[in-house]
Amino acid sequence: QVQLVESGGGLVQTGGSLRLSCAASGRTFRNYAMGWFRQAPGKERDFVATISWSGGNTYYANSVKGRFTISRDNAKNTVYLQMNSLIPEDTAVYYCAASTQYSDLSYIGGSDREKYDYWGQGTQVTVSS
């Protein structure tokens, strides 16, 4: 059983920054590939970024590449999403996800929701124009 708790969402103006955190339970967190997804109202949950177990491999959706950075601290059982140059289109509920089946999903894009078996409750990010 893995529990994921996101934090760090909020309201920010266009061009601003936010850092999301996802705290995970479980001693084997360091073995898991982790990902961030987001869901805007009326839309599907979309892939944002994934990171391998060691943090050495990452992969991003084209829409956030160059603006967002995913990272992890295995000593703290936490994965982060640093979001810079935010735009209104980034407004969504952001979800953290863990894959206990894969240690690295970056080589296959990491966007397949079926490969993640635990999800957090989400944190709202709103970017005003």
Foldseek 3Di string as FASTA:
>chain_A
DKAKAKDWADEAAAQAKIKMKIAMDDPVLLQKKKFKWWDDPPGDIWGAKIAASVRPDMAGDPVQPPFWDWGDDSVRRMIMIIGGRDDQVPWTWMKMFIAPPHRDDVVVRPTDPVRTDDMYPTDTHGYHD
